[in-house]
Amino acid sequence: MPTNLQQLTLQLRVELDRVTPTVWRQILVPSSARLSRLHDIIQAAMGWTNSHLHAFSLGDARYGPCYEDHPEGEIDEQTVTIREVLLGHRQFSYEYDFGDGWMHTVTVEAEFRTRKALKFALCVAGENACPPEDCGGPGGFTYFLEALADPKHDEHEMYVRWNGADIFDRSAFNLIEANAALQRVR
């Protein structure tokens, strides 16, 4: 009996650039999802709080939320799907928090058709904790970690108060929590 495999599902690897050890997530998403939904998916999977502006870049095209003061030529992310944007490309960029400059490389690792559509995106793997919001980008994150690790550092106590603890577990990643966050993405 023939099967009707309708939905194209993408397996994406989202990797945070310029952070060591590498922070990454492997997620399954429907290719029919709009870029605005992909933004919410990445936020949930990585552990960001969606507190800042963002944009996707692929070739010469830039996609974003198109607020009043958006850059000229930016395409509204609500008007295009992942499939429409990719057009054969296997990689694109996602920037979050223009002040801190968190750049992510998003790679299409696989494509496959499924009989039933994914209702929610699914995180299937990942490693390491996402840096805290507003810590100053990759350089600020390194400084934050150094200050937390050294009780004699001039800013140690300030970062302990800001962080809420005297340690930051860089290796922390919980697949169950990532998927619980993804289930809240509509």
N, C-alpha and C. Protein backbone atom coordinates (compact mmCIF):
# COMPACT_ATOMS: atom_id res chain seq x y z
N MET A 1 0.84 -1.18 0.00
CA MET A 1 0.00 0.00 0.00
C MET A 1 0.89 1.25 0.00
N PRO A 2 0.68 2.20 -0.91
CA PRO A 2 1.52 3.40 -0.96
C PRO A 2 1.26 4.29 0.25
N THR A 3 2.31 4.97 0.66
CA THR A 3 2.17 5.90 1.78
C THR A 3 2.23 7.32 1.25
N ASN A 4 1.63 8.22 1.96
CA ASN A 4 1.60 9.62 1.55
C ASN A 4 2.46 10.41 2.53
N LEU A 5 3.71 10.60 2.19
CA LEU A 5 4.62 11.35 3.05
C LEU A 5 4.58 12.82 2.63
N GLN A 6 3.94 13.64 3.44
CA GLN A 6 3.64 15.00 3.05
C GLN A 6 4.60 16.06 3.58
N GLN A 7 4.85 16.06 4.86
CA GLN A 7 5.59 17.17 5.45
C GLN A 7 7.08 16.98 5.32
N LEU A 8 7.75 18.02 4.88
CA LEU A 8 9.21 18.01 4.84
C LEU A 8 9.70 18.54 6.18
N THR A 9 10.42 17.71 6.89
CA THR A 9 10.99 18.06 8.19
C THR A 9 12.48 18.30 8.02
N LEU A 10 12.98 19.32 8.66
CA LEU A 10 14.41 19.65 8.60
C LEU A 10 15.06 19.34 9.93
N GLN A 11 16.23 18.78 9.87
CA GLN A 11 17.07 18.61 11.05
C GLN A 11 18.11 19.73 10.99
N LEU A 12 18.04 20.65 11.93
CA LEU A 12 18.93 21.81 11.97
C LEU A 12 19.89 21.71 13.13
N ARG A 13 21.10 22.14 12.89
CA ARG A 13 22.08 22.31 13.97
C ARG A 13 22.25 23.81 14.15
N VAL A 14 21.96 24.28 15.35
CA VAL A 14 22.10 25.69 15.69
C VAL A 14 23.30 25.79 16.62
N GLU A 15 24.32 26.50 16.18
CA GLU A 15 25.56 26.59 16.94
C GLU A 15 25.90 28.05 17.23
N LEU A 16 26.17 28.34 18.48
CA LEU A 16 26.55 29.69 18.90
C LEU A 16 28.01 29.91 18.54
N ASP A 17 28.27 30.94 17.76
CA ASP A 17 29.63 31.23 17.29
C ASP A 17 30.48 31.90 18.37
N ARG A 18 31.77 31.70 18.29
CA ARG A 18 32.79 32.37 19.11
C ARG A 18 32.66 32.14 20.61
N VAL A 19 32.14 30.96 20.99
CA VAL A 19 32.05 30.58 22.39
C VAL A 19 32.65 29.19 22.53
N THR A 20 33.54 29.04 23.53
CA THR A 20 34.17 27.75 23.79
C THR A 20 33.90 27.36 25.24
N PRO A 21 33.48 26.13 25.50
CA PRO A 21 33.17 25.08 24.54
C PRO A 21 31.90 25.43 23.76
N THR A 22 31.73 24.79 22.62
CA THR A 22 30.64 25.08 21.71
C THR A 22 29.28 24.83 22.37
N VAL A 23 28.38 25.77 22.18
CA VAL A 23 26.99 25.65 22.61
C VAL A 23 26.19 25.36 21.34
N TRP A 24 25.52 24.22 21.31
CA TRP A 24 24.77 23.85 20.11
C TRP A 24 23.52 23.06 20.47
N ARG A 25 22.56 23.10 19.52
CA ARG A 25 21.34 22.32 19.64
C ARG A 25 21.03 21.71 18.27
N GLN A 26 20.52 20.50 18.29
CA GLN A 26 20.05 19.84 17.08
C GLN A 26 18.53 19.74 17.21
N ILE A 27 17.82 20.36 16.26
CA ILE A 27 16.38 20.43 16.36
C ILE A 27 15.70 19.97 15.07
N LEU A 28 14.51 19.42 15.23
CA LEU A 28 13.68 19.04 14.10
C LEU A 28 12.58 20.08 13.98
N VAL A 29 12.42 20.62 12.77
CA VAL A 29 11.40 21.65 12.53
C VAL A 29 10.70 21.38 11.20
N PRO A 30 9.43 21.74 11.11
CA PRO A 30 8.77 21.63 9.81
C PRO A 30 9.30 22.71 8.88
N SER A 31 9.58 22.35 7.64
CA SER A 31 10.11 23.34 6.70
C SER A 31 9.08 24.41 6.37
N SER A 32 7.82 24.14 6.68
CA SER A 32 6.74 25.10 6.41
C SER A 32 6.62 26.17 7.50
N ALA A 33 7.41 26.07 8.56
CA ALA A 33 7.36 27.08 9.63
C ALA A 33 7.87 28.42 9.10
N ARG A 34 7.23 29.48 9.53
CA ARG A 34 7.69 30.82 9.16
C ARG A 34 8.97 31.14 9.93
N LEU A 35 9.77 32.05 9.38
CA LEU A 35 11.02 32.42 10.06
C LEU A 35 10.74 33.02 11.43
N SER A 36 9.63 33.72 11.58
CA SER A 36 9.29 34.27 12.90
C SER A 36 9.11 33.15 13.92
N ARG A 37 8.56 32.03 13.50
CA ARG A 37 8.42 30.88 14.41
C ARG A 37 9.78 30.24 14.65
N LEU A 38 10.62 30.17 13.62
CA LEU A 38 11.97 29.62 13.81
C LEU A 38 12.73 30.43 14.84
N HIS A 39 12.55 31.74 14.83
CA HIS A 39 13.19 32.58 15.86
C HIS A 39 12.75 32.11 17.25
N ASP A 40 11.44 31.92 17.44
CA ASP A 40 10.93 31.47 18.75
C ASP A 40 11.46 30.07 19.10
N ILE A 41 11.60 29.22 18.10
CA ILE A 41 12.12 27.87 18.31
C ILE A 41 13.58 27.93 18.77
N ILE A 42 14.38 28.73 18.10
CA ILE A 42 15.79 28.87 18.48
C ILE A 42 15.91 29.44 19.89
N GLN A 43 15.11 30.45 20.19
CA GLN A 43 15.14 31.04 21.54
C GLN A 43 14.88 29.96 22.59
N ALA A 44 13.85 29.16 22.38
CA ALA A 44 13.49 28.12 23.35
C ALA A 44 14.56 27.04 23.45
N ALA A 45 15.04 26.56 22.32
CA ALA A 45 16.02 25.46 22.33
C ALA A 45 17.35 25.89 22.94
N MET A 46 17.78 27.12 22.65
CA MET A 46 19.07 27.58 23.15
C MET A 46 18.99 28.00 24.61
N GLY A 47 17.82 28.47 25.05
CA GLY A 47 17.69 28.94 26.43
C GLY A 47 17.75 30.44 26.54
N TRP A 48 17.63 31.15 25.43
CA TRP A 48 17.57 32.62 25.48
C TRP A 48 16.19 33.02 26.00
N THR A 49 16.01 34.31 26.31
CA THR A 49 14.76 34.77 26.89
C THR A 49 13.95 35.67 25.96
N ASN A 50 14.36 35.79 24.71
CA ASN A 50 13.64 36.59 23.72
C ASN A 50 13.47 38.03 24.19
N SER A 51 14.55 38.61 24.70
CA SER A 51 14.52 39.96 25.26
C SER A 51 15.11 41.01 24.32
N HIS A 52 15.58 40.60 23.14
CA HIS A 52 16.29 41.51 22.25
C HIS A 52 15.90 41.30 20.80
N LEU A 53 16.32 42.21 19.95
CA LEU A 53 16.08 42.10 18.52
C LEU A 53 16.91 40.98 17.91
N HIS A 54 16.55 40.59 16.71
CA HIS A 54 17.23 39.50 16.02
C HIS A 54 17.08 39.68 14.52
N ALA A 55 17.84 38.89 13.77
CA ALA A 55 17.72 38.87 12.31
C ALA A 55 18.33 37.58 11.78
N PHE A 56 17.82 37.14 10.64
CA PHE A 56 18.38 36.01 9.90
C PHE A 56 19.06 36.57 8.67
N SER A 57 20.18 35.97 8.28
CA SER A 57 20.87 36.37 7.05
C SER A 57 21.18 35.14 6.24
N LEU A 58 20.87 35.25 4.95
CA LEU A 58 21.18 34.19 4.01
C LEU A 58 21.58 34.84 2.71
N GLY A 59 22.85 34.71 2.35
CA GLY A 59 23.35 35.43 1.18
C GLY A 59 23.25 36.92 1.42
N ASP A 60 22.68 37.63 0.45
CA ASP A 60 22.51 39.08 0.59
C ASP A 60 21.20 39.47 1.26
N ALA A 61 20.37 38.49 1.57
CA ALA A 61 19.05 38.79 2.13
C ALA A 61 19.11 38.80 3.66
N ARG A 62 18.34 39.73 4.22
CA ARG A 62 18.22 39.85 5.68
C ARG A 62 16.73 39.79 6.01
N TYR A 63 16.40 38.96 7.00
CA TYR A 63 15.01 38.77 7.42
C TYR A 63 14.92 39.11 8.90
N GLY A 64 13.86 39.81 9.28
CA GLY A 64 13.67 40.17 10.68
C GLY A 64 12.24 40.56 10.95
N PRO A 65 11.99 41.09 12.16
CA PRO A 65 10.62 41.42 12.55
C PRO A 65 10.07 42.68 11.90
N CYS A 66 10.90 43.45 11.22
CA CYS A 66 10.47 44.65 10.48
C CYS A 66 9.70 45.64 11.34
N TYR A 67 10.28 46.02 12.46
CA TYR A 67 9.70 47.09 13.26
C TYR A 67 9.87 48.41 12.52
N GLU A 68 9.31 49.49 13.06
CA GLU A 68 9.31 50.78 12.37
C GLU A 68 10.69 51.21 11.89
N ASP A 69 11.72 51.00 12.69
CA ASP A 69 13.05 51.47 12.32
C ASP A 69 13.94 50.33 11.81
N HIS A 70 13.33 49.34 11.18
CA HIS A 70 14.12 48.21 10.67
C HIS A 70 15.03 48.66 9.53
N PRO A 71 16.12 47.94 9.31
CA PRO A 71 17.04 48.31 8.24
C PRO A 71 16.35 48.25 6.86
N GLU A 72 16.73 49.16 6.01
CA GLU A 72 16.18 49.19 4.66
C GLU A 72 16.47 47.86 3.96
N GLY A 73 15.47 47.33 3.31
CA GLY A 73 15.64 46.08 2.58
C GLY A 73 15.39 44.83 3.40
N GLU A 74 15.19 44.98 4.72
CA GLU A 74 14.92 43.81 5.54
C GLU A 74 13.56 43.23 5.14
N ILE A 75 13.50 41.91 5.00
CA ILE A 75 12.28 41.22 4.63
C ILE A 75 11.58 40.76 5.89
N ASP A 76 10.27 40.94 5.94
CA ASP A 76 9.48 40.57 7.11
C ASP A 76 9.50 39.05 7.29
N GLU A 77 10.03 38.60 8.42
CA GLU A 77 10.17 37.18 8.70
C GLU A 77 8.83 36.47 8.84
N GLN A 78 7.75 37.21 9.03
CA GLN A 78 6.43 36.59 9.14
C GLN A 78 5.84 36.22 7.78
N THR A 79 6.48 36.70 6.72
CA THR A 79 5.92 36.48 5.38
C THR A 79 6.59 35.34 4.63
N VAL A 80 7.60 34.70 5.21
CA VAL A 80 8.34 33.65 4.50
C VAL A 80 8.53 32.42 5.37
N THR A 81 8.56 31.27 4.72
CA THR A 81 8.81 30.02 5.44
C THR A 81 10.29 29.66 5.32
N ILE A 82 10.69 28.74 6.16
CA ILE A 82 12.08 28.26 6.10
C ILE A 82 12.37 27.70 4.71
N ARG A 83 11.46 26.89 4.19
CA ARG A 83 11.64 26.28 2.87
C ARG A 83 11.82 27.34 1.79
N GLU A 84 11.02 28.41 1.82
CA GLU A 84 11.11 29.47 0.82
C GLU A 84 12.45 30.20 0.88
N VAL A 85 12.97 30.36 2.07
CA VAL A 85 14.22 31.10 2.26
C VAL A 85 15.43 30.27 1.85
N LEU A 86 15.40 28.98 2.19
CA LEU A 86 16.58 28.14 1.94
C LEU A 86 16.90 27.98 0.46
N LEU A 87 15.92 27.66 -0.34
CA LEU A 87 16.11 27.50 -1.78
C LEU A 87 17.43 26.80 -2.12
N GLY A 88 17.66 25.65 -1.51
CA GLY A 88 18.86 24.87 -1.81
C GLY A 88 20.07 25.19 -0.94
N HIS A 89 20.04 26.28 -0.20
CA HIS A 89 21.15 26.60 0.70
C HIS A 89 21.15 25.62 1.87
N ARG A 90 22.31 25.37 2.43
CA ARG A 90 22.43 24.45 3.56
C ARG A 90 22.81 25.15 4.86
N GLN A 91 23.03 26.47 4.80
CA GLN A 91 23.49 27.17 5.99
C GLN A 91 23.06 28.63 5.94
N PHE A 92 22.75 29.19 7.12
CA PHE A 92 22.43 30.60 7.22
C PHE A 92 22.80 31.08 8.62
N SER A 93 22.69 32.39 8.84
CA SER A 93 23.06 32.98 10.13
C SER A 93 21.84 33.51 10.85
N TYR A 94 21.92 33.46 12.16
CA TYR A 94 20.89 34.02 13.03
C TYR A 94 21.62 34.86 14.06
N GLU A 95 21.28 36.15 14.13
CA GLU A 95 21.89 37.03 15.13
C GLU A 95 20.84 37.40 16.15
N TYR A 96 21.24 37.31 17.41
CA TYR A 96 20.35 37.67 18.51
C TYR A 96 21.04 38.70 19.39
N ASP A 97 20.33 39.73 19.77
CA ASP A 97 20.82 40.81 20.63
C ASP A 97 21.94 41.57 19.92
N PHE A 98 21.54 42.57 19.14
CA PHE A 98 22.51 43.33 18.35
C PHE A 98 23.57 44.01 19.20
N GLY A 99 23.25 44.34 20.45
CA GLY A 99 24.24 44.94 21.34
C GLY A 99 25.32 43.95 21.74
N ASP A 100 24.92 42.75 22.11
CA ASP A 100 25.88 41.71 22.51
C ASP A 100 26.42 40.96 21.29
N GLY A 101 25.64 40.91 20.22
CA GLY A 101 26.11 40.29 18.99
C GLY A 101 26.26 38.78 19.04
N TRP A 102 25.23 38.09 19.51
CA TRP A 102 25.28 36.64 19.55
C TRP A 102 24.97 36.08 18.18
N MET A 103 26.00 35.65 17.47
CA MET A 103 25.84 35.07 16.14
C MET A 103 25.73 33.56 16.25
N HIS A 104 24.80 33.01 15.49
CA HIS A 104 24.57 31.57 15.44
C HIS A 104 24.70 31.12 13.99
N THR A 105 25.30 29.99 13.78
CA THR A 105 25.32 29.36 12.46
C THR A 105 24.28 28.25 12.48
N VAL A 106 23.36 28.31 11.53
CA VAL A 106 22.30 27.31 11.43
C VAL A 106 22.58 26.47 10.19
N THR A 107 22.74 25.17 10.37
CA THR A 107 23.08 24.26 9.28
C THR A 107 21.97 23.24 9.11
N VAL A 108 21.55 23.03 7.86
CA VAL A 108 20.59 21.98 7.55
C VAL A 108 21.39 20.68 7.47
N GLU A 109 21.20 19.81 8.45
CA GLU A 109 21.93 18.54 8.49
C GLU A 109 21.22 17.44 7.70
N ALA A 110 19.89 17.49 7.68
CA ALA A 110 19.12 16.45 6.98
C ALA A 110 17.74 16.97 6.66
N GLU A 111 17.12 16.36 5.67
CA GLU A 111 15.73 16.62 5.30
C GLU A 111 15.05 15.27 5.15
N PHE A 112 13.81 15.16 5.64
CA PHE A 112 13.07 13.93 5.43
C PHE A 112 11.58 14.22 5.47
N ARG A 113 10.82 13.39 4.80
CA ARG A 113 9.37 13.54 4.74
C ARG A 113 8.72 12.65 5.79
N THR A 114 7.66 13.16 6.39
CA THR A 114 6.93 12.41 7.41
C THR A 114 5.44 12.37 7.06
N ARG A 115 4.76 11.34 7.52
CA ARG A 115 3.32 11.21 7.27
C ARG A 115 2.53 12.24 8.06
N LYS A 116 2.98 12.49 9.28
CA LYS A 116 2.25 13.41 10.15
C LYS A 116 3.12 14.63 10.41
N ALA A 117 2.47 15.76 10.45
CA ALA A 117 3.18 17.01 10.68
C ALA A 117 3.62 17.11 12.13
N LEU A 118 4.77 17.72 12.34
CA LEU A 118 5.21 18.03 13.69
C LEU A 118 4.32 19.13 14.25
N LYS A 119 3.79 18.92 15.41
CA LYS A 119 3.00 19.97 16.06
C LYS A 119 3.94 20.97 16.75
N PHE A 120 5.03 20.45 17.31
CA PHE A 120 6.04 21.27 17.98
C PHE A 120 7.40 20.91 17.41
N ALA A 121 8.31 21.84 17.46
CA ALA A 121 9.70 21.51 17.13
C ALA A 121 10.22 20.57 18.21
N LEU A 122 11.23 19.83 17.88
CA LEU A 122 11.78 18.84 18.80
C LEU A 122 13.29 18.99 18.86
N CYS A 123 13.83 19.13 20.05
CA CYS A 123 15.28 19.15 20.24
C CYS A 123 15.71 17.71 20.48
N VAL A 124 16.65 17.23 19.65
CA VAL A 124 17.08 15.84 19.78
C VAL A 124 18.46 15.69 20.40
N ALA A 125 19.21 16.79 20.46
CA ALA A 125 20.54 16.75 21.07
C ALA A 125 21.03 18.17 21.31
N GLY A 126 22.06 18.28 22.12
CA GLY A 126 22.68 19.58 22.38
C GLY A 126 23.75 19.45 23.43
N GLU A 127 24.54 20.50 23.55
CA GLU A 127 25.59 20.53 24.55
C GLU A 127 25.80 21.95 25.05
N ASN A 128 26.06 22.05 26.31
CA ASN A 128 26.52 23.25 27.00
C ASN A 128 25.45 24.32 27.18
N ALA A 129 25.62 25.08 28.23
CA ALA A 129 24.66 26.10 28.62
C ALA A 129 24.79 27.34 27.75
N CYS A 130 23.65 27.91 27.47
CA CYS A 130 23.61 29.19 26.77
C CYS A 130 24.11 30.27 27.74
N PRO A 131 24.91 31.21 27.26
CA PRO A 131 25.36 32.29 28.15
C PRO A 131 24.17 33.08 28.70
N PRO A 132 24.32 33.71 29.86
CA PRO A 132 23.23 34.53 30.39
C PRO A 132 22.98 35.76 29.51
N GLU A 133 21.74 36.18 29.48
CA GLU A 133 21.38 37.40 28.74
C GLU A 133 22.20 38.59 29.27
N ASP A 134 22.53 39.50 28.38
CA ASP A 134 23.15 40.78 28.72
C ASP A 134 24.51 40.68 29.38
N CYS A 135 25.24 39.60 29.10
CA CYS A 135 26.57 39.49 29.70
C CYS A 135 27.66 40.10 28.81
N GLY A 136 27.29 40.64 27.65
CA GLY A 136 28.26 41.37 26.85
C GLY A 136 28.81 40.63 25.65
N GLY A 137 28.11 39.66 25.14
CA GLY A 137 28.59 38.93 23.96
C GLY A 137 29.70 37.96 24.33
N PRO A 138 30.34 37.38 23.32
CA PRO A 138 31.38 36.37 23.60
C PRO A 138 32.50 36.88 24.51
N GLY A 139 32.98 38.10 24.29
CA GLY A 139 34.04 38.65 25.13
C GLY A 139 33.56 38.90 26.55
N GLY A 140 32.37 39.44 26.69
CA GLY A 140 31.79 39.68 28.00
C GLY A 140 31.51 38.39 28.75
N PHE A 141 31.12 37.35 28.01
CA PHE A 141 30.87 36.05 28.62
C PHE A 141 32.16 35.47 29.19
N THR A 142 33.25 35.59 28.44
CA THR A 142 34.54 35.12 28.93
C THR A 142 34.94 35.88 30.20
N TYR A 143 34.76 37.19 30.20
CA TYR A 143 35.08 38.02 31.36
C TYR A 143 34.20 37.62 32.56
N PHE A 144 32.92 37.42 32.31
CA PHE A 144 31.97 36.99 33.34
C PHE A 144 32.44 35.69 33.98
N LEU A 145 32.84 34.71 33.17
CA LEU A 145 33.31 33.42 33.69
C LEU A 145 34.59 33.58 34.51
N GLU A 146 35.51 34.43 34.02
CA GLU A 146 36.76 34.67 34.76
C GLU A 146 36.48 35.32 36.11
N ALA A 147 35.57 36.29 36.13
CA ALA A 147 35.25 36.98 37.38
C ALA A 147 34.57 36.03 38.38
N LEU A 148 33.68 35.18 37.89
CA LEU A 148 33.03 34.22 38.79
C LEU A 148 34.02 33.21 39.35
N ALA A 149 34.99 32.81 38.54
CA ALA A 149 35.93 31.76 38.95
C ALA A 149 36.99 32.26 39.93
N ASP A 150 37.18 33.58 40.02
CA ASP A 150 38.24 34.13 40.86
C ASP A 150 37.66 35.00 41.98
N PRO A 151 37.58 34.47 43.19
CA PRO A 151 37.02 35.26 44.30
C PRO A 151 37.79 36.55 44.56
N LYS A 152 39.02 36.67 44.08
CA LYS A 152 39.80 37.90 44.28
C LYS A 152 39.60 38.90 43.15
N HIS A 153 38.88 38.53 42.12
CA HIS A 153 38.62 39.43 40.99
C HIS A 153 37.82 40.63 41.48
N ASP A 154 38.16 41.83 40.99
CA ASP A 154 37.49 43.06 41.42
C ASP A 154 35.97 43.02 41.27
N GLU A 155 35.48 42.29 40.29
CA GLU A 155 34.05 42.28 40.05
C GLU A 155 33.38 40.94 40.41
N HIS A 156 34.10 40.11 41.14
CA HIS A 156 33.55 38.80 41.50
C HIS A 156 32.21 38.92 42.23
N GLU A 157 32.17 39.72 43.28
CA GLU A 157 30.95 39.84 44.09
C GLU A 157 29.79 40.40 43.28
N MET A 158 30.07 41.36 42.41
CA MET A 158 29.02 41.94 41.57
C MET A 158 28.44 40.87 40.64
N TYR A 159 29.29 40.05 40.03
CA TYR A 159 28.81 39.00 39.13
C TYR A 159 28.10 37.88 39.89
N VAL A 160 28.51 37.60 41.11
CA VAL A 160 27.82 36.60 41.93
C VAL A 160 26.39 37.09 42.20
N ARG A 161 26.23 38.37 42.55
CA ARG A 161 24.89 38.92 42.79
C ARG A 161 24.07 38.91 41.50
N TRP A 162 24.68 39.33 40.42
CA TRP A 162 23.98 39.41 39.13
C TRP A 162 23.56 38.02 38.66
N ASN A 163 24.44 37.05 38.83
CA ASN A 163 24.18 35.68 38.38
C ASN A 163 23.28 34.92 39.36
N GLY A 164 23.27 35.34 40.61
CA GLY A 164 22.48 34.64 41.62
C GLY A 164 23.20 33.45 42.22
N ALA A 165 24.45 33.26 41.84
CA ALA A 165 25.26 32.15 42.38
C ALA A 165 26.72 32.43 42.07
N ASP A 166 27.61 31.73 42.77
CA ASP A 166 29.03 31.97 42.54
C ASP A 166 29.62 31.03 41.49
N ILE A 167 28.77 30.25 40.85
CA ILE A 167 29.22 29.41 39.74
C ILE A 167 28.24 29.51 38.59
N PHE A 168 28.71 29.21 37.40
CA PHE A 168 27.88 29.09 36.21
C PHE A 168 28.30 27.79 35.56
N ASP A 169 27.42 26.85 35.49
CA ASP A 169 27.75 25.54 34.95
C ASP A 169 27.70 25.59 33.42
N ARG A 170 28.86 25.77 32.81
CA ARG A 170 28.96 25.88 31.35
C ARG A 170 28.50 24.62 30.64
N SER A 171 28.59 23.47 31.30
CA SER A 171 28.24 22.21 30.66
C SER A 171 26.75 21.86 30.82
N ALA A 172 26.01 22.70 31.52
CA ALA A 172 24.61 22.39 31.78
C ALA A 172 23.79 22.44 30.49
N PHE A 173 23.11 21.35 30.22
CA PHE A 173 22.11 21.29 29.16
C PHE A 173 21.16 20.17 29.50
N ASN A 174 19.88 20.48 29.48
CA ASN A 174 18.87 19.50 29.85
C ASN A 174 17.90 19.36 28.67
N LEU A 175 17.95 18.22 28.02
CA LEU A 175 17.13 17.96 26.84
C LEU A 175 15.64 18.03 27.17
N ILE A 176 15.26 17.54 28.32
CA ILE A 176 13.84 17.57 28.73
C ILE A 176 13.37 19.01 28.89
N GLU A 177 14.18 19.85 29.53
CA GLU A 177 13.81 21.26 29.70
C GLU A 177 13.74 21.98 28.36
N ALA A 178 14.67 21.68 27.45
CA ALA A 178 14.65 22.30 26.12
C ALA A 178 13.36 21.94 25.40
N ASN A 179 12.96 20.68 25.46
CA ASN A 179 11.73 20.27 24.79
C ASN A 179 10.49 20.81 25.47
N ALA A 180 10.52 20.95 26.78
CA ALA A 180 9.39 21.57 27.48
C ALA A 180 9.23 23.02 27.01
N ALA A 181 10.35 23.74 26.85
CA ALA A 181 10.30 25.12 26.35
C ALA A 181 9.79 25.15 24.92
N LEU A 182 10.19 24.19 24.10
CA LEU A 182 9.73 24.13 22.71
C LEU A 182 8.22 23.87 22.63
N GLN A 183 7.67 23.15 23.59
CA GLN A 183 6.24 22.87 23.58
C GLN A 183 5.41 24.13 23.83
N ARG A 184 6.04 25.16 24.38
CA ARG A 184 5.34 26.43 24.62
C ARG A 184 5.38 27.35 23.40
N VAL A 185 6.14 26.98 22.38
CA VAL A 185 6.24 27.81 21.16
C VAL A 185 5.02 27.52 20.28
N ARG A 186 4.31 28.53 19.97
CA ARG A 186 3.10 28.39 19.12
C ARG A 186 3.32 29.01 17.77
